[in-house]
Amino acid sequence: LPFQGDIQVEAFSAQNKIGIDKLATKLNFWFSPLFAE
């Protein structure tokens, strides 16, 4: 399955609150165009 460089890996832990800011930023980037319509 070729991803052609479209993969990013980030550390995330809801329990330890690691990476939540990066996760929120990425989710907003992905989904904000859907809500703008």
N, C-alpha and C. Protein backbone atom coordinates (compact mmCIF):
# COMPACT_ATOMS: atom_id res chain seq x y z
N LEU A 1 0.85 -1.18 0.00
CA LEU A 1 0.00 0.00 0.00
C LEU A 1 0.89 1.25 0.00
N PRO A 2 1.00 1.92 -1.12
CA PRO A 2 1.88 3.10 -1.19
C PRO A 2 1.22 4.34 -0.60
N PHE A 3 1.91 5.00 0.31
CA PHE A 3 1.39 6.22 0.91
C PHE A 3 2.01 7.47 0.30
N GLN A 4 3.07 7.31 -0.46
CA GLN A 4 3.72 8.40 -1.19
C GLN A 4 4.10 9.57 -0.28
N GLY A 5 4.61 9.28 0.89
CA GLY A 5 5.11 10.32 1.79
C GLY A 5 4.06 11.08 2.57
N ASP A 6 2.83 10.60 2.63
CA ASP A 6 1.75 11.31 3.31
C ASP A 6 1.51 10.81 4.73
N ILE A 7 2.54 10.30 5.38
CA ILE A 7 2.39 9.75 6.73
C ILE A 7 3.21 10.59 7.71
N GLN A 8 2.59 10.88 8.85
CA GLN A 8 3.29 11.52 9.96
C GLN A 8 3.02 10.71 11.21
N VAL A 9 4.02 10.62 12.07
CA VAL A 9 3.88 9.90 13.33
C VAL A 9 4.19 10.88 14.46
N GLU A 10 3.30 10.93 15.44
CA GLU A 10 3.48 11.81 16.60
C GLU A 10 3.19 11.00 17.86
N ALA A 11 3.92 11.31 18.92
CA ALA A 11 3.64 10.68 20.21
C ALA A 11 2.34 11.27 20.76
N PHE A 12 1.48 10.42 21.30
CA PHE A 12 0.21 10.88 21.85
C PHE A 12 -0.13 10.04 23.07
N SER A 13 -0.52 10.71 24.14
CA SER A 13 -1.00 10.03 25.33
C SER A 13 -2.07 10.90 25.97
N ALA A 14 -3.31 10.44 25.92
CA ALA A 14 -4.40 11.19 26.55
C ALA A 14 -4.22 11.20 28.07
N GLN A 15 -3.75 10.10 28.61
CA GLN A 15 -3.59 9.99 30.06
C GLN A 15 -2.51 10.95 30.58
N ASN A 16 -1.39 11.04 29.84
CA ASN A 16 -0.29 11.89 30.28
C ASN A 16 -0.31 13.27 29.62
N LYS A 17 -1.32 13.52 28.79
CA LYS A 17 -1.48 14.80 28.09
C LYS A 17 -0.27 15.14 27.23
N ILE A 18 0.26 14.13 26.55
CA ILE A 18 1.38 14.33 25.64
C ILE A 18 0.83 14.39 24.22
N GLY A 19 1.12 15.46 23.51
CA GLY A 19 0.75 15.57 22.11
C GLY A 19 -0.68 16.02 21.84
N ILE A 20 -1.41 16.40 22.87
CA ILE A 20 -2.81 16.79 22.67
C ILE A 20 -2.89 18.07 21.84
N ASP A 21 -1.98 19.02 22.05
CA ASP A 21 -2.00 20.26 21.28
C ASP A 21 -1.75 19.99 19.80
N LYS A 22 -0.80 19.09 19.50
CA LYS A 22 -0.53 18.75 18.09
C LYS A 22 -1.70 18.01 17.47
N LEU A 23 -2.33 17.13 18.25
CA LEU A 23 -3.50 16.40 17.76
C LEU A 23 -4.64 17.37 17.45
N ALA A 24 -4.91 18.30 18.34
CA ALA A 24 -5.99 19.27 18.13
C ALA A 24 -5.72 20.12 16.90
N THR A 25 -4.48 20.54 16.72
CA THR A 25 -4.12 21.34 15.55
C THR A 25 -4.33 20.56 14.27
N LYS A 26 -3.90 19.31 14.25
CA LYS A 26 -4.05 18.49 13.05
C LYS A 26 -5.51 18.21 12.74
N LEU A 27 -6.31 17.88 13.75
CA LEU A 27 -7.74 17.63 13.52
C LEU A 27 -8.45 18.88 13.03
N ASN A 28 -8.11 20.03 13.59
CA ASN A 28 -8.70 21.29 13.10
C ASN A 28 -8.33 21.55 11.66
N PHE A 29 -7.08 21.26 11.29
CA PHE A 29 -6.63 21.44 9.92
C PHE A 29 -7.40 20.52 8.97
N TRP A 30 -7.62 19.28 9.37
CA TRP A 30 -8.33 18.32 8.52
C TRP A 30 -9.81 18.65 8.38
N PHE A 31 -10.46 19.02 9.48
CA PHE A 31 -11.91 19.12 9.48
C PHE A 31 -12.46 20.54 9.33
N SER A 32 -11.66 21.57 9.50
CA SER A 32 -12.19 22.93 9.39
C SER A 32 -12.77 23.24 8.01
N PRO A 33 -12.21 22.74 6.90
CA PRO A 33 -12.85 23.01 5.60
C PRO A 33 -14.26 22.40 5.50
N LEU A 34 -14.51 21.31 6.19
CA LEU A 34 -15.83 20.69 6.15
C LEU A 34 -16.88 21.55 6.83
N PHE A 35 -16.48 22.24 7.90
CA PHE A 35 -17.43 23.06 8.65
C PHE A 35 -17.57 24.46 8.07
N ALA A 36 -16.66 24.84 7.17
CA ALA A 36 -16.72 26.18 6.57
C ALA A 36 -17.78 26.26 5.48
N GLU A 37 -18.23 25.11 4.99
CA GLU A 37 -19.21 25.10 3.90
C GLU A 37 -20.60 25.41 4.37
